[in-house]
């Protein structure tokens, strides 16, 4: 199944137009966690800049499958 990983806040969106193929939702969650860990390594101490942001996993039809608050995962 193809999943898309959007970064979303109340004021902005960074849309994933490519998505990736995953086995199932659990695989998508694992990919999301990997992406968040990479983001954490990249932004380091600037994690507060992501307050209010979340990573949303959606299907090709746009249905929300899972959401992770970035500040919960980064801290």
Protein backbone atom coordinates (compact mmCIF):
# COMPACT_ATOMS: atom_id res chain seq x y z
CA UNK A 1 0.00 0.00 0.00
CA UNK A 2 1.19 3.52 -0.73
CA UNK A 3 1.35 6.00 2.12
CA UNK A 4 2.11 9.71 2.14
CA UNK A 5 3.79 11.52 5.01
CA UNK A 6 2.68 15.14 5.41
CA UNK A 7 4.12 17.60 7.90
CA UNK A 8 1.19 19.66 9.15
CA UNK A 9 0.64 22.51 11.62
CA UNK A 10 -2.33 24.76 12.25
CA UNK A 11 -0.80 27.31 9.87
CA UNK A 12 1.17 25.42 7.25
CA UNK A 13 1.64 22.11 5.44
CA UNK A 14 4.57 20.39 3.80
CA UNK A 15 2.94 17.86 1.50
CA UNK A 16 4.55 14.58 0.45
CA UNK A 17 3.51 14.14 -3.18
CA UNK A 18 5.58 11.01 -3.80
CA UNK A 19 4.77 8.73 -0.88
CA UNK A 20 6.28 5.29 -0.41
CA UNK A 21 5.11 1.71 -0.70
CA UNK A 22 4.81 -0.10 2.62
CA UNK A 23 3.57 -3.55 3.65
CA UNK A 24 0.99 -2.28 6.13
CA UNK A 25 0.20 0.51 8.60
CA UNK A 26 2.76 -0.79 11.11
CA UNK A 27 5.46 -0.50 8.44
CA UNK A 28 4.28 3.03 7.68
CA UNK A 29 4.52 3.92 11.39
CA UNK A 30 8.06 2.55 11.47
CA UNK A 31 8.97 4.66 8.43
CA UNK A 32 7.42 7.70 10.10
CA UNK A 33 9.49 7.11 13.24
CA UNK A 34 12.64 6.83 11.12
CA UNK A 35 11.79 10.11 9.38
CA UNK A 36 11.22 11.81 12.74
CA UNK A 37 14.55 10.51 14.07
CA UNK A 38 16.31 11.86 10.96
CA UNK A 39 14.56 15.19 11.45
CA UNK A 40 15.63 15.21 15.11
CA UNK A 41 19.26 14.62 14.09
CA UNK A 42 19.03 17.36 11.48
CA UNK A 43 17.44 20.08 13.63
CA UNK A 44 19.14 19.24 16.92
CA UNK A 45 18.46 21.86 19.59
CA UNK A 46 15.98 23.73 17.38
CA UNK A 47 13.24 21.19 18.20
CA UNK A 48 11.12 23.94 19.74
CA UNK A 49 10.65 25.32 16.22
CA UNK A 50 8.46 22.27 15.49
CA UNK A 51 6.04 22.91 18.35
CA UNK A 52 2.51 22.38 17.02
CA UNK A 53 3.67 20.31 14.04
CA UNK A 54 2.64 16.72 13.39
CA UNK A 55 3.51 14.05 10.86
CA UNK A 56 0.37 12.63 9.26
CA UNK A 57 0.31 9.31 7.43
CA UNK A 58 -2.41 9.31 4.78
CA UNK A 59 -3.57 6.90 2.10
CA UNK A 60 -3.79 7.86 -1.60
CA UNK A 61 -7.41 8.95 -1.07
CA UNK A 62 -6.28 11.40 1.62
CA UNK A 63 -7.69 9.45 4.56
CA UNK A 64 -5.70 10.02 7.75
CA UNK A 65 -4.28 6.70 8.94
CA UNK A 66 -2.07 7.87 11.80
CA UNK A 67 -0.72 11.11 13.26
CA UNK A 68 2.34 11.81 15.44
CA UNK A 69 3.01 15.11 17.21
CA UNK A 70 6.62 16.03 16.42
CA UNK A 71 7.30 17.59 19.79
CA UNK A 72 6.24 14.38 21.56
CA UNK A 73 8.59 12.32 19.43
CA UNK A 74 11.49 14.77 19.39
CA UNK A 75 11.74 15.31 23.15
